[in-house]
Amino acid sequence: MLLSEMTKGQKGIIIAIDASKQLRDRLISLGLMIGEEVEVIEYTLMHGTFKILIGDSFVAIREDEAARIFIKAN
């Protein structure tokens, strides 16, 4: 499943990131790494962004970025 397919309140573990090195490095700097648990807090259709919880941090990413992150849903 892709992070972009998850719904509000759904949790999962990142199992892969299919992105360019530049985007992968940016996502890693935000804490989005393989093995990390994420929870979708909110999706805003108007802005096309996902607000997600990683550990104790909230991060907002664009829908096209979320579509490059593969998740094993809990």
Foldseek 3Di string as FASTA:
>chain_A
DFQLPDDAFWKWFWADFQDDPVLVVVCVVVVRDGGWMKGFHDADPVQQWTWIDTPNDTDIDHSVRSRRTDTDTD
